[in-house]
């Protein structure tokens, strides 16, 4: 079961140090379900902090980061947006993107 977090908690995650990933979806989006399965596999290979949010409940977040479609993957580093991903082509593609944000020494 998913739990809705507050806008304040979301902002704390986004602005915290290190790499934080926000995965935005909507509950009725079939493509989002497939993308989420890719994401779940990718974080097993490249462990990153991922917060999943139903964008139906985060209008100010959508406006602030100009999110234009779902699924949406926003990657933040030390509070700064580094990359937005809207095309979840494959697990391999997501893994490659994630590898750009981790220290290779920490990879198994």
C-alpha atoms as a PDB file:
ATOM      1  CA  UNK A   1       0.000   0.000   0.000  1.00  0.00           C
ATOM      2  CA  UNK A   2       1.230   3.486  -0.821  1.00  0.00           C
ATOM      3  CA  UNK A   3       1.121   6.315   1.636  1.00  0.00           C
ATOM      4  CA  UNK A   4       0.703   9.903   0.569  1.00  0.00           C
ATOM      5  CA  UNK A   5       3.408  12.144   1.962  1.00  0.00           C
ATOM      6  CA  UNK A   6       2.936  15.810   2.682  1.00  0.00           C
ATOM      7  CA  UNK A   7       4.248  18.518   0.366  1.00  0.00           C
ATOM      8  CA  UNK A   8       6.561  19.526   3.233  1.00  0.00           C
ATOM      9  CA  UNK A   9       7.984  15.988   3.490  1.00  0.00           C
ATOM     10  CA  UNK A  10       8.414  15.866  -0.290  1.00  0.00           C
ATOM     11  CA  UNK A  11      10.327  19.154  -0.238  1.00  0.00           C
ATOM     12  CA  UNK A  12      12.543  17.834   2.563  1.00  0.00           C
ATOM     13  CA  UNK A  13      13.385  14.773   0.447  1.00  0.00           C
ATOM     14  CA  UNK A  14      14.100  16.865  -2.642  1.00  0.00           C
ATOM     15  CA  UNK A  15      16.297  19.292  -0.708  1.00  0.00           C
ATOM     16  CA  UNK A  16      18.218  16.738   1.320  1.00  0.00           C
ATOM     17  CA  UNK A  17      21.855  15.969   0.613  1.00  0.00           C
ATOM     18  CA  UNK A  18      22.925  13.200  -1.720  1.00  0.00           C
ATOM     19  CA  UNK A  19      21.019  11.758  -4.643  1.00  0.00           C
ATOM     20  CA  UNK A  20      17.250  11.483  -4.356  1.00  0.00           C
ATOM     21  CA  UNK A  21      14.896  10.256  -7.039  1.00  0.00           C
ATOM     22  CA  UNK A  22      11.226  11.189  -7.294  1.00  0.00           C
ATOM     23  CA  UNK A  23       9.050   8.889  -9.381  1.00  0.00           C
ATOM     24  CA  UNK A  24       5.793  10.563 -10.374  1.00  0.00           C
ATOM     25  CA  UNK A  25       2.865   8.541 -11.637  1.00  0.00           C
ATOM     26  CA  UNK A  26      -0.918   8.625 -11.746  1.00  0.00           C
ATOM     27  CA  UNK A  27      -3.060   5.776 -10.531  1.00  0.00           C
ATOM     28  CA  UNK A  28      -4.894   5.196 -13.826  1.00  0.00           C
ATOM     29  CA  UNK A  29      -1.758   5.197 -16.006  1.00  0.00           C
ATOM     30  CA  UNK A  30      -0.926   1.755 -17.424  1.00  0.00           C
ATOM     31  CA  UNK A  31       2.430   2.977 -18.744  1.00  0.00           C
ATOM     32  CA  UNK A  32       3.270   4.131 -15.216  1.00  0.00           C
ATOM     33  CA  UNK A  33       2.786   0.605 -13.880  1.00  0.00           C
ATOM     34  CA  UNK A  34       5.219  -0.769 -16.461  1.00  0.00           C
ATOM     35  CA  UNK A  35       7.707   2.035 -15.794  1.00  0.00           C
ATOM     36  CA  UNK A  36       7.489   1.354 -12.068  1.00  0.00           C
ATOM     37  CA  UNK A  37       8.384  -2.288 -12.641  1.00  0.00           C
ATOM     38  CA  UNK A  38      11.470  -1.124 -14.602  1.00  0.00           C
ATOM     39  CA  UNK A  39      12.336   1.256 -11.779  1.00  0.00           C
ATOM     40  CA  UNK A  40      11.973  -1.426  -9.107  1.00  0.00           C
ATOM     41  CA  UNK A  41      14.415  -3.661 -10.983  1.00  0.00           C
ATOM     42  CA  UNK A  42      16.851  -0.806 -11.646  1.00  0.00           C
ATOM     43  CA  UNK A  43      17.149   0.102  -7.953  1.00  0.00           C
ATOM     44  CA  UNK A  44      18.128  -3.479  -7.209  1.00  0.00           C
ATOM     45  CA  UNK A  45      21.171  -2.940  -9.438  1.00  0.00           C
ATOM     46  CA  UNK A  46      21.885   0.690  -8.520  1.00  0.00           C
ATOM     47  CA  UNK A  47      20.521   1.421  -5.053  1.00  0.00           C
ATOM     48  CA  UNK A  48      19.223   4.984  -4.857  1.00  0.00           C
ATOM     49  CA  UNK A  49      16.655   6.689  -2.635  1.00  0.00           C
ATOM     50  CA  UNK A  50      13.402   6.619  -4.627  1.00  0.00           C
ATOM     51  CA  UNK A  51      10.204   8.280  -3.473  1.00  0.00           C
ATOM     52  CA  UNK A  52       7.064   7.366  -5.408  1.00  0.00           C
ATOM     53  CA  UNK A  53       4.276   9.937  -5.560  1.00  0.00           C
ATOM     54  CA  UNK A  54       0.885  10.053  -7.230  1.00  0.00           C
ATOM     55  CA  UNK A  55       1.096  13.373  -9.037  1.00  0.00           C
ATOM     56  CA  UNK A  56      -2.670  13.855  -8.769  1.00  0.00           C
ATOM     57  CA  UNK A  57      -1.953  15.108  -5.233  1.00  0.00           C
ATOM     58  CA  UNK A  58       1.064  17.361  -5.831  1.00  0.00           C
ATOM     59  CA  UNK A  59      -0.044  20.269  -8.004  1.00  0.00           C
ATOM     60  CA  UNK A  60       2.563  22.713  -6.697  1.00  0.00           C
ATOM     61  CA  UNK A  61       5.346  20.154  -7.295  1.00  0.00           C
ATOM     62  CA  UNK A  62       4.112  19.694 -10.874  1.00  0.00           C
ATOM     63  CA  UNK A  63       4.131  23.445 -11.438  1.00  0.00           C
ATOM     64  CA  UNK A  64       7.494  24.010  -9.768  1.00  0.00           C
ATOM     65  CA  UNK A  65       9.292  21.403 -11.874  1.00  0.00           C
ATOM     66  CA  UNK A  66       7.129  21.828 -14.989  1.00  0.00           C
ATOM     67  CA  UNK A  67       6.241  18.143 -15.186  1.00  0.00           C
ATOM     68  CA  UNK A  68       4.485  17.623 -18.492  1.00  0.00           C
ATOM     69  CA  UNK A  69       3.652  13.920 -18.549  1.00  0.00           C
ATOM     70  CA  UNK A  70       3.698  10.689 -16.600  1.00  0.00           C
ATOM     71  CA  UNK A  71       5.515   8.597 -15.754  1.00  0.00           C
ATOM     72  CA  UNK A  72       8.148  11.089 -14.643  1.00  0.00           C
ATOM     73  CA  UNK A  73      11.475  10.447 -12.978  1.00  0.00           C
ATOM     74  CA  UNK A  74      13.219  13.448 -11.432  1.00  0.00           C
ATOM     75  CA  UNK A  75      16.746  13.033 -10.143  1.00  0.00           C
ATOM     76  CA  UNK A  76      18.014  15.497  -7.549  1.00  0.00           C
ATOM     77  CA  UNK A  77      21.496  15.869  -6.149  1.00  0.00           C
ATOM     78  CA  UNK A  78      22.000  17.988  -3.046  1.00  0.00           C
ATOM     79  CA  UNK A  79      18.655  19.689  -3.655  1.00  0.00           C
ATOM     80  CA  UNK A  80      19.234  20.553  -7.307  1.00  0.00           C
ATOM     81  CA  UNK A  81      17.330  18.934 -10.161  1.00  0.00           C
ATOM     82  CA  UNK A  82      19.883  17.115 -12.304  1.00  0.00           C
ATOM     83  CA  UNK A  83      17.792  15.201 -14.805  1.00  0.00           C
ATOM     84  CA  UNK A  84      14.215  14.460 -15.843  1.00  0.00           C
ATOM     85  CA  UNK A  85      13.264  11.192 -17.527  1.00  0.00           C
ATOM     86  CA  UNK A  86       9.921  10.666 -19.233  1.00  0.00           C
ATOM     87  CA  UNK A  87      10.769   7.739 -21.519  1.00  0.00           C
ATOM     88  CA  UNK A  88      11.291   4.479 -19.638  1.00  0.00           C
ATOM     89  CA  UNK A  89      12.677   2.524 -22.548  1.00  0.00           C
ATOM     90  CA  UNK A  90      14.104  -0.401 -20.587  1.00  0.00           C
ATOM     91  CA  UNK A  91      15.530  -1.448 -17.244  1.00  0.00           C
ATOM     92  CA  UNK A  92      18.994  -1.172 -18.782  1.00  0.00           C
ATOM     93  CA  UNK A  93      18.368   2.455 -19.754  1.00  0.00           C
ATOM     94  CA  UNK A  94      17.266   3.356 -16.215  1.00  0.00           C
ATOM     95  CA  UNK A  95      20.285   1.543 -14.745  1.00  0.00           C
ATOM     96  CA  UNK A  96      22.610   3.502 -17.048  1.00  0.00           C
ATOM     97  CA  UNK A  97      21.008   6.776 -15.993  1.00  0.00           C
ATOM     98  CA  UNK A  98      21.295   5.859 -12.310  1.00  0.00           C
ATOM     99  CA  UNK A  99      24.953   4.871 -12.687  1.00  0.00           C
ATOM    100  CA  UNK A 100      25.727   8.498 -13.556  1.00  0.00           C
ATOM    101  CA  UNK A 101      24.746   9.468 -10.020  1.00  0.00           C
ATOM    102  CA  UNK A 102      26.515   6.903  -7.856  1.00  0.00           C
ATOM    103  CA  UNK A 103      30.073   6.420  -6.786  1.00  0.00           C
ATOM    104  CA  UNK A 104      31.367   3.338  -8.612  1.00  0.00           C
ATOM    105  CA  UNK A 105      33.140   2.212  -5.440  1.00  0.00           C
ATOM    106  CA  UNK A 106      29.745   1.688  -3.823  1.00  0.00           C
ATOM    107  CA  UNK A 107      28.454  -0.555  -6.603  1.00  0.00           C
ATOM    108  CA  UNK A 108      28.584  -4.267  -5.997  1.00  0.00           C
END
